[in-house]
């Protein structure tokens, strides 16, 4: 799952060298439009629908938090 999330992030504009960043938002690597693109890509990839209550910066801090978010809906 981690590799698929990395692929989604790169497709949405995160540079490969920045993938292991501990906080995409604080590092200003991600904005709200990019988050929307990432959500759409994750929903399409994993056939899930992320609840609006889960669309908060904490779930998009890094790859690990995004992986936990997807797992919340997948499994």
PDB file of N, CA and C in Angstrom:
ATOM      1  N   UNK A   1       0.820  -1.190   0.000  1.00  0.00           N
ATOM      2  CA  UNK A   1       0.000   0.000   0.000  1.00  0.00           C
ATOM      3  C   UNK A   1       0.870   1.263   0.000  1.00  0.00           C
ATOM      4  N   UNK A   2       1.964   1.203   0.722  1.00  0.00           N
ATOM      5  CA  UNK A   2       2.860   2.364   0.823  1.00  0.00           C
ATOM      6  C   UNK A   2       3.376   2.787  -0.554  1.00  0.00           C
ATOM      7  N   UNK A   3       3.746   1.813  -1.382  1.00  0.00           N
ATOM      8  CA  UNK A   3       4.252   2.134  -2.720  1.00  0.00           C
ATOM      9  C   UNK A   3       3.161   2.750  -3.590  1.00  0.00           C
ATOM     10  N   UNK A   4       1.937   2.274  -3.447  1.00  0.00           N
ATOM     11  CA  UNK A   4       0.841   2.847  -4.220  1.00  0.00           C
ATOM     12  C   UNK A   4       0.569   4.286  -3.797  1.00  0.00           C
ATOM     13  N   UNK A   5       0.665   4.562  -2.505  1.00  0.00           N
ATOM     14  CA  UNK A   5       0.469   5.935  -2.016  1.00  0.00           C
ATOM     15  C   UNK A   5       1.588   6.829  -2.527  1.00  0.00           C
ATOM     16  N   UNK A   6       2.815   6.323  -2.539  1.00  0.00           N
ATOM     17  CA  UNK A   6       3.928   7.104  -3.097  1.00  0.00           C
ATOM     18  C   UNK A   6       3.656   7.451  -4.553  1.00  0.00           C
ATOM     19  N   UNK A   7       3.155   6.485  -5.309  1.00  0.00           N
ATOM     20  CA  UNK A   7       2.852   6.715  -6.718  1.00  0.00           C
ATOM     21  C   UNK A   7       1.772   7.784  -6.869  1.00  0.00           C
ATOM     22  N   UNK A   8       0.737   7.704  -6.051  1.00  0.00           N
ATOM     23  CA  UNK A   8      -0.333   8.709  -6.071  1.00  0.00           C
ATOM     24  C   UNK A   8       0.242  10.089  -5.770  1.00  0.00           C
ATOM     25  N   UNK A   9       1.082  10.172  -4.744  1.00  0.00           N
ATOM     26  CA  UNK A   9       1.666  11.465  -4.368  1.00  0.00           C
ATOM     27  C   UNK A   9       2.487  12.059  -5.506  1.00  0.00           C
ATOM     28  N   UNK A  10       3.286  11.233  -6.171  1.00  0.00           N
ATOM     29  CA  UNK A  10       4.094  11.726  -7.287  1.00  0.00           C
ATOM     30  C   UNK A  10       3.200  12.168  -8.451  1.00  0.00           C
ATOM     31  N   UNK A  11       2.147  11.415  -8.698  1.00  0.00           N
ATOM     32  CA  UNK A  11       1.216  11.791  -9.764  1.00  0.00           C
ATOM     33  C   UNK A  11       0.503  13.106  -9.450  1.00  0.00           C
ATOM     34  N   UNK A  12       0.356  13.409  -8.158  1.00  0.00           N
ATOM     35  CA  UNK A  12      -0.327  14.637  -7.742  1.00  0.00           C
ATOM     36  C   UNK A  12       0.630  15.813  -7.545  1.00  0.00           C
ATOM     37  N   UNK A  13       1.933  15.583  -7.748  1.00  0.00           N
ATOM     38  CA  UNK A  13       2.861  16.703  -7.726  1.00  0.00           C
ATOM     39  C   UNK A  13       3.942  16.701  -6.663  1.00  0.00           C
ATOM     40  N   UNK A  14       3.990  15.691  -5.813  1.00  0.00           N
ATOM     41  CA  UNK A  14       5.060  15.616  -4.820  1.00  0.00           C
ATOM     42  C   UNK A  14       6.302  15.057  -5.508  1.00  0.00           C
ATOM     43  N   UNK A  15       7.410  15.740  -5.343  1.00  0.00           N
ATOM     44  CA  UNK A  15       8.675  15.322  -5.943  1.00  0.00           C
ATOM     45  C   UNK A  15       9.177  14.049  -5.255  1.00  0.00           C
ATOM     46  N   UNK A  16       9.762  13.148  -6.029  1.00  0.00           N
ATOM     47  CA  UNK A  16      10.259  11.872  -5.487  1.00  0.00           C
ATOM     48  C   UNK A  16      11.189  12.096  -4.297  1.00  0.00           C
ATOM     49  N   UNK A  17      12.030  13.119  -4.347  1.00  0.00           N
ATOM     50  CA  UNK A  17      12.984  13.386  -3.263  1.00  0.00           C
ATOM     51  C   UNK A  17      12.289  13.822  -1.965  1.00  0.00           C
ATOM     52  N   UNK A  18      11.026  14.239  -2.062  1.00  0.00           N
ATOM     53  CA  UNK A  18      10.293  14.716  -0.886  1.00  0.00           C
ATOM     54  C   UNK A  18       9.337  13.681  -0.296  1.00  0.00           C
ATOM     55  N   UNK A  19       9.295  12.481  -0.851  1.00  0.00           N
ATOM     56  CA  UNK A  19       8.320  11.484  -0.415  1.00  0.00           C
ATOM     57  C   UNK A  19       8.454  11.085   1.050  1.00  0.00           C
ATOM     58  N   UNK A  20       9.651  11.095   1.588  1.00  0.00           N
ATOM     59  CA  UNK A  20       9.836  10.675   2.983  1.00  0.00           C
ATOM     60  C   UNK A  20       9.748  11.835   3.972  1.00  0.00           C
ATOM     61  N   UNK A  21       9.270  12.975   3.517  1.00  0.00           N
ATOM     62  CA  UNK A  21       9.078  14.136   4.386  1.00  0.00           C
ATOM     63  C   UNK A  21       8.169  13.747   5.555  1.00  0.00           C
ATOM     64  N   UNK A  22       8.477  14.229   6.732  1.00  0.00           N
ATOM     65  CA  UNK A  22       7.686  13.890   7.915  1.00  0.00           C
ATOM     66  C   UNK A  22       6.416  14.729   8.042  1.00  0.00           C
ATOM     67  N   UNK A  23       6.367  15.882   7.359  1.00  0.00           N
ATOM     68  CA  UNK A  23       5.168  16.719   7.416  1.00  0.00           C
ATOM     69  C   UNK A  23       5.047  17.537   6.132  1.00  0.00           C
ATOM     70  N   UNK A  24       4.291  17.008   5.179  1.00  0.00           N
ATOM     71  CA  UNK A  24       4.114  17.664   3.889  1.00  0.00           C
ATOM     72  C   UNK A  24       3.517  19.059   4.034  1.00  0.00           C
ATOM     73  N   UNK A  25       2.574  19.216   4.959  1.00  0.00           N
ATOM     74  CA  UNK A  25       1.886  20.492   5.119  1.00  0.00           C
ATOM     75  C   UNK A  25       2.833  21.545   5.687  1.00  0.00           C
ATOM     76  N   UNK A  26       3.520  21.230   6.776  1.00  0.00           N
ATOM     77  CA  UNK A  26       4.460  22.190   7.375  1.00  0.00           C
ATOM     78  C   UNK A  26       5.587  22.547   6.423  1.00  0.00           C
ATOM     79  N   UNK A  27       6.017  21.581   5.608  1.00  0.00           N
ATOM     80  CA  UNK A  27       7.097  21.828   4.647  1.00  0.00           C
ATOM     81  C   UNK A  27       6.581  22.564   3.409  1.00  0.00           C
ATOM     82  N   UNK A  28       5.276  22.853   3.400  1.00  0.00           N
ATOM     83  CA  UNK A  28       4.624  23.561   2.296  1.00  0.00           C
ATOM     84  C   UNK A  28       4.791  22.840   0.957  1.00  0.00           C
ATOM     85  N   UNK A  29       4.752  21.513   1.018  1.00  0.00           N
ATOM     86  CA  UNK A  29       4.834  20.698  -0.185  1.00  0.00           C
ATOM     87  C   UNK A  29       3.449  20.340  -0.707  1.00  0.00           C
ATOM     88  N   UNK A  30       2.417  20.640   0.090  1.00  0.00           N
ATOM     89  CA  UNK A  30       1.065  20.232  -0.243  1.00  0.00           C
ATOM     90  C   UNK A  30       0.107  21.371   0.094  1.00  0.00           C
ATOM     91  N   UNK A  31      -0.809  21.639  -0.820  1.00  0.00           N
ATOM     92  CA  UNK A  31      -1.853  22.617  -0.543  1.00  0.00           C
ATOM     93  C   UNK A  31      -3.218  21.945  -0.637  1.00  0.00           C
ATOM     94  N   UNK A  32      -4.275  22.701  -0.418  1.00  0.00           N
ATOM     95  CA  UNK A  32      -5.609  22.099  -0.362  1.00  0.00           C
ATOM     96  C   UNK A  32      -6.034  21.483  -1.699  1.00  0.00           C
ATOM     97  N   UNK A  33      -5.615  22.072  -2.806  1.00  0.00           N
ATOM     98  CA  UNK A  33      -5.962  21.497  -4.108  1.00  0.00           C
ATOM     99  C   UNK A  33      -5.263  20.154  -4.313  1.00  0.00           C
ATOM    100  N   UNK A  34      -4.026  20.065  -3.868  1.00  0.00           N
ATOM    101  CA  UNK A  34      -3.297  18.806  -3.985  1.00  0.00           C
ATOM    102  C   UNK A  34      -3.933  17.745  -3.089  1.00  0.00           C
ATOM    103  N   UNK A  35      -4.363  18.143  -1.893  1.00  0.00           N
ATOM    104  CA  UNK A  35      -5.038  17.201  -1.000  1.00  0.00           C
ATOM    105  C   UNK A  35      -6.298  16.661  -1.675  1.00  0.00           C
ATOM    106  N   UNK A  36      -7.047  17.529  -2.330  1.00  0.00           N
ATOM    107  CA  UNK A  36      -8.256  17.090  -3.035  1.00  0.00           C
ATOM    108  C   UNK A  36      -7.904  16.074  -4.123  1.00  0.00           C
ATOM    109  N   UNK A  37      -6.841  16.335  -4.882  1.00  0.00           N
ATOM    110  CA  UNK A  37      -6.402  15.403  -5.919  1.00  0.00           C
ATOM    111  C   UNK A  37      -5.988  14.059  -5.318  1.00  0.00           C
ATOM    112  N   UNK A  38      -5.287  14.109  -4.195  1.00  0.00           N
ATOM    113  CA  UNK A  38      -4.840  12.885  -3.520  1.00  0.00           C
ATOM    114  C   UNK A  38      -6.038  12.079  -3.020  1.00  0.00           C
ATOM    115  N   UNK A  39      -7.017  12.759  -2.457  1.00  0.00           N
ATOM    116  CA  UNK A  39      -8.219  12.078  -1.964  1.00  0.00           C
ATOM    117  C   UNK A  39      -8.934  11.362  -3.107  1.00  0.00           C
ATOM    118  N   UNK A  40      -9.110  12.066  -4.203  1.00  0.00           N
ATOM    119  CA  UNK A  40      -9.780  11.472  -5.363  1.00  0.00           C
ATOM    120  C   UNK A  40      -9.005  10.252  -5.859  1.00  0.00           C
ATOM    121  N   UNK A  41      -7.685  10.382  -5.940  1.00  0.00           N
ATOM    122  CA  UNK A  41      -6.857   9.270  -6.423  1.00  0.00           C
ATOM    123  C   UNK A  41      -6.924   8.073  -5.473  1.00  0.00           C
ATOM    124  N   UNK A  42      -6.892   8.333  -4.165  1.00  0.00           N
ATOM    125  CA  UNK A  42      -6.976   7.231  -3.199  1.00  0.00           C
ATOM    126  C   UNK A  42      -8.345   6.568  -3.254  1.00  0.00           C
ATOM    127  N   UNK A  43      -9.393   7.364  -3.369  1.00  0.00           N
ATOM    128  CA  UNK A  43     -10.734   6.790  -3.459  1.00  0.00           C
ATOM    129  C   UNK A  43     -10.870   5.914  -4.704  1.00  0.00           C
ATOM    130  N   UNK A  44     -10.330   6.394  -5.817  1.00  0.00           N
ATOM    131  CA  UNK A  44     -10.392   5.606  -7.052  1.00  0.00           C
ATOM    132  C   UNK A  44      -9.560   4.331  -6.944  1.00  0.00           C
ATOM    133  N   UNK A  45      -8.352   4.446  -6.435  1.00  0.00           N
ATOM    134  CA  UNK A  45      -7.431   3.309  -6.344  1.00  0.00           C
ATOM    135  C   UNK A  45      -7.967   2.214  -5.430  1.00  0.00           C
ATOM    136  N   UNK A  46      -8.500   2.614  -4.273  1.00  0.00           N
ATOM    137  CA  UNK A  46      -8.900   1.640  -3.260  1.00  0.00           C
ATOM    138  C   UNK A  46     -10.415   1.411  -3.189  1.00  0.00           C
ATOM    139  N   UNK A  47     -11.168   2.047  -4.090  1.00  0.00           N
ATOM    140  CA  UNK A  47     -12.617   1.891  -4.145  1.00  0.00           C
ATOM    141  C   UNK A  47     -13.247   2.180  -2.780  1.00  0.00           C
ATOM    142  N   UNK A  48     -12.889   3.353  -2.243  1.00  0.00           N
ATOM    143  CA  UNK A  48     -13.403   3.792  -0.952  1.00  0.00           C
ATOM    144  C   UNK A  48     -14.000   5.187  -1.116  1.00  0.00           C
ATOM    145  N   UNK A  49     -14.707   5.643  -0.087  1.00  0.00           N
ATOM    146  CA  UNK A  49     -15.198   7.013  -0.042  1.00  0.00           C
ATOM    147  C   UNK A  49     -14.798   7.594   1.312  1.00  0.00           C
ATOM    148  N   UNK A  50     -13.891   8.553   1.269  1.00  0.00           N
ATOM    149  CA  UNK A  50     -13.378   9.147   2.503  1.00  0.00           C
ATOM    150  C   UNK A  50     -14.391  10.167   3.018  1.00  0.00           C
ATOM    151  N   UNK A  51     -14.778  10.001   4.257  1.00  0.00           N
ATOM    152  CA  UNK A  51     -15.741  10.884   4.902  1.00  0.00           C
ATOM    153  C   UNK A  51     -15.162  12.289   5.047  1.00  0.00           C
ATOM    154  N   UNK A  52     -15.991  13.283   4.871  1.00  0.00           N
ATOM    155  CA  UNK A  52     -15.565  14.676   4.993  1.00  0.00           C
ATOM    156  C   UNK A  52     -14.926  14.986   6.342  1.00  0.00           C
ATOM    157  N   UNK A  53     -15.356  14.303   7.388  1.00  0.00           N
ATOM    158  CA  UNK A  53     -14.776  14.521   8.716  1.00  0.00           C
ATOM    159  C   UNK A  53     -13.310  14.089   8.789  1.00  0.00           C
ATOM    160  N   UNK A  54     -12.888  13.237   7.860  1.00  0.00           N
ATOM    161  CA  UNK A  54     -11.500  12.764   7.846  1.00  0.00           C
ATOM    162  C   UNK A  54     -10.603  13.592   6.922  1.00  0.00           C
ATOM    163  N   UNK A  55     -11.164  14.588   6.315  1.00  0.00           N
ATOM    164  CA  UNK A  55     -10.357  15.434   5.430  1.00  0.00           C
ATOM    165  C   UNK A  55      -9.818  16.595   6.259  1.00  0.00           C
ATOM    166  N   UNK A  56      -8.801  16.261   7.039  1.00  0.00           N
ATOM    167  CA  UNK A  56      -8.121  17.217   7.918  1.00  0.00           C
ATOM    168  C   UNK A  56      -6.617  17.040   7.739  1.00  0.00           C
ATOM    169  N   UNK A  57      -5.854  18.097   8.007  1.00  0.00           N
ATOM    170  CA  UNK A  57      -4.400  18.022   7.784  1.00  0.00           C
ATOM    171  C   UNK A  57      -3.707  16.840   8.456  1.00  0.00           C
ATOM    172  N   UNK A  58      -4.186  16.425   9.612  1.00  0.00           N
ATOM    173  CA  UNK A  58      -3.543  15.336  10.341  1.00  0.00           C
ATOM    174  C   UNK A  58      -3.441  14.032   9.567  1.00  0.00           C
ATOM    175  N   UNK A  59      -4.407  13.772   8.690  1.00  0.00           N
ATOM    176  CA  UNK A  59      -4.381  12.545   7.901  1.00  0.00           C
ATOM    177  C   UNK A  59      -3.460  12.649   6.694  1.00  0.00           C
ATOM    178  N   UNK A  60      -2.965  13.846   6.388  1.00  0.00           N
ATOM    179  CA  UNK A  60      -2.151  14.048   5.195  1.00  0.00           C
ATOM    180  C   UNK A  60      -0.752  14.560   5.535  1.00  0.00           C
ATOM    181  N   UNK A  61      -0.329  14.302   6.771  1.00  0.00           N
ATOM    182  CA  UNK A  61       0.973  14.750   7.244  1.00  0.00           C
ATOM    183  C   UNK A  61       2.108  14.081   6.481  1.00  0.00           C
ATOM    184  N   UNK A  62       2.019  12.762   6.330  1.00  0.00           N
ATOM    185  CA  UNK A  62       3.074  12.009   5.646  1.00  0.00           C
ATOM    186  C   UNK A  62       2.485  10.708   5.095  1.00  0.00           C
ATOM    187  N   UNK A  63       3.326   9.922   4.480  1.00  0.00           N
ATOM    188  CA  UNK A  63       2.845   8.677   3.872  1.00  0.00           C
ATOM    189  C   UNK A  63       2.240   7.750   4.925  1.00  0.00           C
ATOM    190  N   UNK A  64       2.837   7.678   6.084  1.00  0.00           N
ATOM    191  CA  UNK A  64       2.330   6.811   7.146  1.00  0.00           C
ATOM    192  C   UNK A  64       0.921   7.167   7.583  1.00  0.00           C
ATOM    193  N   UNK A  65       0.645   8.459   7.744  1.00  0.00           N
ATOM    194  CA  UNK A  65      -0.702   8.857   8.165  1.00  0.00           C
ATOM    195  C   UNK A  65      -1.719   8.600   7.062  1.00  0.00           C
ATOM    196  N   UNK A  66      -1.298   8.797   5.805  1.00  0.00           N
ATOM    197  CA  UNK A  66      -2.204   8.522   4.682  1.00  0.00           C
ATOM    198  C   UNK A  66      -2.489   7.027   4.565  1.00  0.00           C
ATOM    199  N   UNK A  67      -1.478   6.227   4.843  1.00  0.00           N
ATOM    200  CA  UNK A  67      -1.659   4.777   4.823  1.00  0.00           C
ATOM    201  C   UNK A  67      -2.660   4.361   5.901  1.00  0.00           C
ATOM    202  N   UNK A  68      -2.561   4.944   7.080  1.00  0.00           N
ATOM    203  CA  UNK A  68      -3.518   4.650   8.160  1.00  0.00           C
ATOM    204  C   UNK A  68      -4.931   5.064   7.768  1.00  0.00           C
ATOM    205  N   UNK A  69      -5.048   6.200   7.092  1.00  0.00           N
ATOM    206  CA  UNK A  69      -6.364   6.657   6.645  1.00  0.00           C
ATOM    207  C   UNK A  69      -6.984   5.662   5.673  1.00  0.00           C
ATOM    208  N   UNK A  70      -6.218   5.227   4.694  1.00  0.00           N
ATOM    209  CA  UNK A  70      -6.738   4.267   3.720  1.00  0.00           C
ATOM    210  C   UNK A  70      -7.113   2.962   4.424  1.00  0.00           C
ATOM    211  N   UNK A  71      -6.269   2.498   5.325  1.00  0.00           N
ATOM    212  CA  UNK A  71      -6.549   1.247   6.041  1.00  0.00           C
ATOM    213  C   UNK A  71      -7.829   1.357   6.858  1.00  0.00           C
ATOM    214  N   UNK A  72      -8.123   2.547   7.363  1.00  0.00           N
ATOM    215  CA  UNK A  72      -9.357   2.768   8.117  1.00  0.00           C
ATOM    216  C   UNK A  72     -10.580   2.420   7.264  1.00  0.00           C
ATOM    217  N   UNK A  73     -10.492   2.691   5.975  1.00  0.00           N
ATOM    218  CA  UNK A  73     -11.623   2.454   5.089  1.00  0.00           C
ATOM    219  C   UNK A  73     -11.566   1.108   4.380  1.00  0.00           C
ATOM    220  N   UNK A  74     -10.371   0.610   4.141  1.00  0.00           N
ATOM    221  CA  UNK A  74     -10.213  -0.653   3.415  1.00  0.00           C
ATOM    222  C   UNK A  74     -10.421  -1.838   4.341  1.00  0.00           C
ATOM    223  N   UNK A  75      -9.888  -1.751   5.528  1.00  0.00           N
ATOM    224  CA  UNK A  75      -9.885  -2.954   6.312  1.00  0.00           C
ATOM    225  C   UNK A  75     -10.393  -2.855   7.673  1.00  0.00           C
TER     226      UNK A  75
END
